């Protein structure tokens, strides 16, 4: 009888922990989403709370560009880091025209691996960085099995998705810690939720981003650094060119502007978020499914995207 009671208590505790863990991200999302309606502006402006400059990687398109625009609108000077000098110049001019802030551009190709970081560090050495947005990322050209993925492309995905978030975070933390304030935003992906067939390398790098972010938060949170894990689901950006359905977008697949305007409201308020309220609801229900089922659903979804891409290629070839 005692054994049965003990097992029942253990089972109840396990269920309670699972429910709390599943609901926590939703509660954080609701809080961050509703808070702007009750507190229309930050208690302290982001520039006062964290510092006057923000660095955004992958800042010439999509979420990265929109983060630069949103942060500039809030009065932060921005450092734009990307590999295309013409696009960098264009975005910098757009920001300076729209907002009365300073900009700085750094040309860096993160596919090259370790060799790019000394140049970036030299360029940033006199910049009082308050916020780092680790946005740069690389996706598959289209869903494919591991042995179809060119080895060079696999290394580019790893160099960008793993190398950049690690090296950039390590680069800016010492100065943030010295000032006792700062924020690091690491953009992961909903693909972190399970192994993802036909995008195996990409999904694995996003698991790294999540684990890395949580660990660094524990290390540096007590020293005044806000380390945020951002985990969007599908967003209509150039990363998803293999699917016209994703590029067209819908209520569940917002464009980069809509997504970022929601996500930036969570900065400094919550540590972990999908950034978009409908993504938060999806994330909650995805987590309820057992991992083996998530893997099967992910495989089925990617087979559909692959077929869509192949059909487009076939039509173009005719």
Protein backbone atom coordinates (compact mmCIF):
# COMPACT_ATOMS: atom_id res chain seq x y z
CA UNK A 1 0.00 0.00 0.00
CA UNK A 2 2.80 2.40 0.90
CA UNK A 3 4.58 1.57 -2.35
CA UNK A 4 1.43 2.36 -4.37
CA UNK A 5 0.97 5.63 -2.49
CA UNK A 6 4.61 6.58 -3.02
CA UNK A 7 4.33 5.86 -6.75
CA UNK A 8 1.15 7.93 -6.94
CA UNK A 9 2.87 10.87 -5.24
CA UNK A 10 5.88 10.59 -7.57
CA UNK A 11 3.55 10.43 -10.57
CA UNK A 12 1.65 13.51 -9.42
CA UNK A 13 4.89 15.43 -8.95
CA UNK A 14 6.12 14.44 -12.43
CA UNK A 15 2.82 15.53 -14.02
CA UNK A 16 2.88 18.82 -12.10
CA UNK A 17 6.45 19.55 -13.21
CA UNK A 18 5.55 18.76 -16.84
CA UNK A 19 2.48 21.04 -16.75
CA UNK A 20 4.38 23.91 -15.12
CA UNK A 21 7.23 23.57 -17.62
CA UNK A 22 4.81 23.50 -20.54
CA UNK A 23 2.78 26.46 -19.32
CA UNK A 24 5.70 28.61 -18.23
CA UNK A 25 6.66 29.76 -21.72
CA UNK A 26 3.01 30.61 -22.42
CA UNK A 27 2.73 32.62 -19.19
CA UNK A 28 5.94 34.48 -19.99
CA UNK A 29 4.69 35.20 -23.50
CA UNK A 30 1.31 36.49 -22.26
CA UNK A 31 3.07 38.70 -19.73
CA UNK A 32 5.46 40.18 -22.27
CA UNK A 33 2.72 40.62 -24.87
CA UNK A 34 0.23 42.34 -22.57
CA UNK A 35 2.73 44.40 -20.59
CA UNK A 36 3.17 47.09 -23.26
CA UNK A 37 -0.56 47.85 -22.99
CA UNK A 38 -0.20 48.55 -19.27
CA UNK A 39 3.31 50.04 -19.47
CA UNK A 40 3.41 51.65 -22.95
CA UNK A 41 7.12 52.44 -22.73
CA UNK A 42 9.96 50.68 -20.98
CA UNK A 43 10.41 51.57 -17.30
CA UNK A 44 13.87 52.56 -18.45
CA UNK A 45 14.58 53.06 -22.16
CA UNK A 46 16.65 50.19 -23.53
CA UNK A 47 19.56 52.56 -24.15
CA UNK A 48 19.56 53.61 -20.48
CA UNK A 49 19.03 50.13 -19.12
CA UNK A 50 21.61 48.30 -21.24
CA UNK A 51 23.78 50.85 -23.05
CA UNK A 52 23.78 53.19 -26.06
CA UNK A 53 24.87 50.78 -28.82
CA UNK A 54 23.35 47.58 -30.21
CA UNK A 55 25.13 45.06 -32.42
CA UNK A 56 23.00 42.98 -34.79
CA UNK A 57 24.43 40.15 -36.86
CA UNK A 58 22.78 39.17 -40.12
CA UNK A 59 21.31 42.67 -40.20
CA UNK A 60 20.64 43.32 -43.88
CA UNK A 61 17.53 41.16 -44.32
CA UNK A 62 14.63 39.64 -42.44
CA UNK A 63 14.51 39.58 -38.65
CA UNK A 64 18.00 41.04 -38.28
CA UNK A 65 17.20 44.14 -40.34
CA UNK A 66 13.94 44.67 -38.50
CA UNK A 67 15.70 44.37 -35.13
CA UNK A 68 18.12 47.08 -36.24
CA UNK A 69 15.23 49.33 -37.27
CA UNK A 70 13.25 48.70 -34.08
CA UNK A 71 16.24 49.31 -31.81
CA UNK A 72 17.13 52.48 -33.71
CA UNK A 73 13.56 53.66 -33.31
CA UNK A 74 14.06 53.25 -29.54
CA UNK A 75 17.09 55.51 -29.67
CA UNK A 76 19.96 53.03 -29.82
CA UNK A 77 22.90 53.48 -32.13
CA UNK A 78 23.38 50.32 -34.16
CA UNK A 79 26.30 48.31 -35.47
CA UNK A 80 25.28 46.29 -38.51
CA UNK A 81 27.27 43.12 -39.17
CA UNK A 82 26.80 41.20 -42.42
CA UNK A 83 28.77 40.03 -45.44
CA UNK A 84 27.32 42.24 -48.19
CA UNK A 85 28.83 45.76 -48.12
CA UNK A 86 26.24 47.22 -50.50
CA UNK A 87 23.32 45.96 -48.42
CA UNK A 88 25.02 47.16 -45.23
CA UNK A 89 25.41 50.64 -46.69
CA UNK A 90 21.78 50.67 -47.81
CA UNK A 91 20.38 49.59 -44.43
CA UNK A 92 22.62 52.04 -42.55
CA UNK A 93 21.43 54.91 -44.76
CA UNK A 94 17.80 53.86 -44.27
CA UNK A 95 18.19 53.79 -40.48
CA UNK A 96 19.95 57.16 -40.33
CA UNK A 97 17.27 58.69 -42.55
CA UNK A 98 14.42 57.36 -40.41
CA UNK A 99 15.94 57.77 -36.95
CA UNK A 100 18.37 60.23 -35.38
CA UNK A 101 20.97 57.64 -34.39
CA UNK A 102 24.50 56.68 -35.36
CA UNK A 103 25.30 53.59 -37.39
CA UNK A 104 28.43 51.57 -37.97
CA UNK A 105 28.87 48.76 -40.47
CA UNK A 106 31.18 45.75 -40.29
CA UNK A 107 31.65 43.46 -43.27
CA UNK A 108 32.03 39.88 -42.06
CA UNK A 109 31.36 36.54 -43.72
CA UNK A 110 30.55 34.13 -40.89
CA UNK A 111 30.85 31.13 -43.20
CA UNK A 112 34.64 31.54 -42.98
CA UNK A 113 34.76 30.44 -39.36
CA UNK A 114 37.30 31.69 -36.77
CA UNK A 115 39.22 33.99 -39.11
CA UNK A 116 36.49 36.67 -39.18
CA UNK A 117 36.28 37.41 -35.46
CA UNK A 118 39.53 39.30 -34.92
CA UNK A 119 38.41 41.85 -37.50
CA UNK A 120 35.02 42.24 -35.79
CA UNK A 121 36.63 42.57 -32.37
CA UNK A 122 39.00 45.27 -33.65
CA UNK A 123 36.05 47.20 -35.08
CA UNK A 124 34.10 46.96 -31.81
CA UNK A 125 36.88 47.67 -29.32
CA UNK A 126 35.84 51.28 -28.65
CA UNK A 127 32.07 50.75 -28.91
CA UNK A 128 30.12 50.59 -25.60
CA UNK A 129 27.84 47.71 -26.56
CA UNK A 130 24.62 47.46 -24.58
CA UNK A 131 22.75 44.88 -26.66
CA UNK A 132 23.94 42.05 -28.88
CA UNK A 133 21.40 40.37 -31.16
CA UNK A 134 22.84 37.09 -32.43
CA UNK A 135 20.52 36.75 -35.39
CA UNK A 136 22.75 35.55 -38.23
CA UNK A 137 21.84 32.04 -39.33
CA UNK A 138 21.91 29.68 -42.27
CA UNK A 139 19.17 27.28 -43.31
CA UNK A 140 19.19 24.43 -45.85
CA UNK A 141 18.61 25.49 -49.44
CA UNK A 142 15.77 22.97 -49.31
CA UNK A 143 15.03 19.88 -47.15
CA UNK A 144 17.39 16.99 -47.92
CA UNK A 145 18.88 13.90 -46.32
CA UNK A 146 22.29 14.19 -44.68
CA UNK A 147 24.28 12.57 -47.51
CA UNK A 148 22.70 14.92 -50.06
CA UNK A 149 23.89 17.95 -48.10
CA UNK A 150 27.25 19.12 -49.49
CA UNK A 151 29.91 18.93 -46.81
CA UNK A 152 30.93 22.54 -47.44
CA UNK A 153 27.34 23.65 -46.83
CA UNK A 154 27.13 21.58 -43.64
CA UNK A 155 30.23 23.37 -42.33
CA UNK A 156 28.78 26.74 -43.30
CA UNK A 157 25.65 25.97 -41.27
CA UNK A 158 27.77 24.96 -38.29
CA UNK A 159 30.17 27.90 -38.63
CA UNK A 160 27.30 30.39 -38.78
CA UNK A 161 24.69 28.92 -36.44
CA UNK A 162 27.11 27.61 -33.79
CA UNK A 163 30.32 29.57 -34.31
CA UNK A 164 28.82 33.05 -34.58
CA UNK A 165 26.59 32.87 -31.49
CA UNK A 166 29.46 31.47 -29.44
CA UNK A 167 32.18 33.83 -30.61
CA UNK A 168 30.10 37.01 -30.64
CA UNK A 169 28.71 36.35 -27.16
CA UNK A 170 32.17 35.63 -25.78
CA UNK A 171 33.46 38.79 -27.47
CA UNK A 172 30.99 41.26 -25.95
CA UNK A 173 30.48 39.80 -22.47
CA UNK A 174 33.68 41.09 -20.81
CA UNK A 175 32.84 44.75 -21.47
CA UNK A 176 29.21 44.21 -20.45
CA UNK A 177 30.28 42.56 -17.21
CA UNK A 178 32.74 45.38 -16.53
CA UNK A 179 29.85 47.88 -16.79
CA UNK A 180 27.46 45.62 -14.88
CA UNK A 181 24.76 45.72 -17.54
CA UNK A 182 23.95 44.45 -21.00
CA UNK A 183 21.66 42.16 -22.98
CA UNK A 184 22.37 39.27 -25.32
CA UNK A 185 19.55 38.01 -27.56
CA UNK A 186 20.21 34.62 -29.15
CA UNK A 187 17.80 33.79 -31.98
CA UNK A 188 17.19 30.06 -32.09
CA UNK A 189 14.29 28.30 -33.85
CA UNK A 190 11.31 26.07 -33.11
CA UNK A 191 13.33 23.31 -34.79
CA UNK A 192 15.16 23.01 -31.45
CA UNK A 193 12.12 21.11 -30.13
CA UNK A 194 13.04 17.80 -31.74
CA UNK A 195 15.44 16.12 -34.16
CA UNK A 196 14.31 17.18 -37.62
CA UNK A 197 14.72 14.75 -40.52
CA UNK A 198 15.76 16.37 -43.82
CA UNK A 199 17.16 19.32 -41.84
CA UNK A 200 19.24 17.32 -39.39
CA UNK A 201 22.26 19.63 -39.18
CA UNK A 202 20.23 22.85 -38.99
CA UNK A 203 17.98 21.57 -36.21
CA UNK A 204 20.96 20.23 -34.25
CA UNK A 205 22.64 23.65 -34.35
CA UNK A 206 19.53 25.22 -32.88
CA UNK A 207 19.59 22.79 -29.97
CA UNK A 208 23.12 24.06 -29.38
CA UNK A 209 21.90 27.67 -29.39
CA UNK A 210 19.24 26.88 -26.79
CA UNK A 211 21.56 24.98 -24.45
CA UNK A 212 24.33 27.52 -24.87
CA UNK A 213 21.98 30.40 -24.05
CA UNK A 214 20.56 28.78 -20.92
CA UNK A 215 24.04 27.97 -19.62
CA UNK A 216 25.46 31.44 -20.28
CA UNK A 217 22.42 32.99 -18.60
CA UNK A 218 23.14 31.02 -15.46
CA UNK A 219 26.77 32.12 -15.58
CA UNK A 220 26.25 35.82 -16.26
CA UNK A 221 22.69 36.64 -15.19
CA UNK A 222 23.82 37.31 -11.60
CA UNK A 223 26.37 39.79 -12.99
CA UNK A 224 23.77 42.07 -14.52
CA UNK A 225 23.52 40.55 -18.02
CA UNK A 226 20.10 39.76 -19.47
CA UNK A 227 20.51 36.70 -21.71
CA UNK A 228 17.43 36.02 -23.80
CA UNK A 229 16.56 32.86 -25.71
CA UNK A 230 14.29 33.65 -28.66
CA UNK A 231 12.70 30.72 -30.44
CA UNK A 232 10.52 31.69 -33.42
CA UNK A 233 8.60 29.20 -35.51
CA UNK A 234 8.06 29.89 -39.21
CA UNK A 235 8.56 33.52 -40.28
CA UNK A 236 8.22 34.72 -43.85
CA UNK A 237 11.86 35.49 -44.71
CA UNK A 238 14.38 34.58 -47.41
CA UNK A 239 15.56 31.65 -45.28
CA UNK A 240 12.45 29.79 -46.39
CA UNK A 241 12.69 30.30 -50.14
CA UNK A 242 12.14 26.57 -50.68
CA UNK A 243 8.43 27.09 -49.90
CA UNK A 244 6.22 29.68 -51.53
CA UNK A 245 3.59 28.94 -48.88
CA UNK A 246 5.98 30.13 -46.19
CA UNK A 247 7.08 33.15 -48.22
CA UNK A 248 3.44 34.17 -48.73
CA UNK A 249 2.89 34.01 -44.98
CA UNK A 250 -0.33 33.93 -42.96
CA UNK A 251 -1.50 34.53 -39.39
CA UNK A 252 0.74 31.71 -38.13
CA UNK A 253 3.64 32.72 -40.39
CA UNK A 254 4.15 36.46 -39.83
CA UNK A 255 6.45 38.62 -41.89
CA UNK A 256 9.71 39.81 -40.32
CA UNK A 257 8.30 43.23 -39.40
CA UNK A 258 5.30 41.83 -37.54
CA UNK A 259 7.40 39.20 -35.81
CA UNK A 260 10.11 41.62 -34.67
CA UNK A 261 7.69 44.25 -33.39
CA UNK A 262 6.23 41.59 -31.12
CA UNK A 263 9.56 40.05 -30.17
CA UNK A 264 11.24 43.29 -29.17
CA UNK A 265 8.53 43.91 -26.58
CA UNK A 266 9.92 40.90 -24.69
CA UNK A 267 13.49 42.27 -24.55
CA UNK A 268 14.47 42.87 -20.94
CA UNK A 269 11.15 41.49 -19.71
CA UNK A 270 11.37 37.73 -20.23
CA UNK A 271 14.33 35.41 -20.59
CA UNK A 272 12.77 32.84 -22.91
CA UNK A 273 10.16 33.51 -25.56
CA UNK A 274 9.00 32.56 -29.03
CA UNK A 275 8.63 36.29 -29.58
CA UNK A 276 5.19 36.08 -31.21
CA UNK A 277 2.01 35.19 -29.36
CA UNK A 278 0.69 32.68 -31.89
CA UNK A 279 4.09 30.99 -31.99
CA UNK A 280 3.89 30.71 -28.21
CA UNK A 281 0.58 28.85 -28.46
CA UNK A 282 1.99 26.54 -31.15
CA UNK A 283 5.14 25.92 -29.11
CA UNK A 284 3.02 24.91 -26.11
CA UNK A 285 1.01 22.32 -28.05
CA UNK A 286 4.09 20.99 -29.88
CA UNK A 287 5.74 20.28 -26.52
CA UNK A 288 2.73 18.24 -25.41
CA UNK A 289 3.38 15.63 -28.11
CA UNK A 290 5.96 12.89 -27.43
CA UNK A 291 9.29 13.38 -29.16
CA UNK A 292 8.90 10.39 -31.50
CA UNK A 293 5.64 11.90 -32.82
CA UNK A 294 7.25 15.32 -33.29
CA UNK A 295 10.02 13.67 -35.32
CA UNK A 296 7.47 11.92 -37.55
CA UNK A 297 5.46 15.12 -38.05
CA UNK A 298 8.63 17.10 -38.79
CA UNK A 299 9.71 14.52 -41.36
CA UNK A 300 6.29 14.60 -43.03
CA UNK A 301 6.29 18.40 -43.12
CA UNK A 302 9.78 18.57 -44.62
CA UNK A 303 8.94 15.97 -47.25
CA UNK A 304 6.09 18.28 -48.28
CA UNK A 305 8.41 21.29 -48.47
CA UNK A 306 10.93 19.24 -50.45
CA UNK A 307 8.29 18.16 -52.95
CA UNK A 308 7.11 21.77 -53.31
CA UNK A 309 10.68 22.87 -54.03
CA UNK A 310 11.30 20.07 -56.54
CA UNK A 311 8.08 20.90 -58.38
CA UNK A 312 9.17 24.55 -58.64
CA UNK A 313 12.58 23.51 -59.99
CA UNK A 314 10.92 21.18 -62.51
CA UNK A 315 8.60 23.91 -63.75
CA UNK A 316 11.46 26.38 -64.17
CA UNK A 317 13.44 23.80 -66.15
CA UNK A 318 10.63 23.26 -68.66
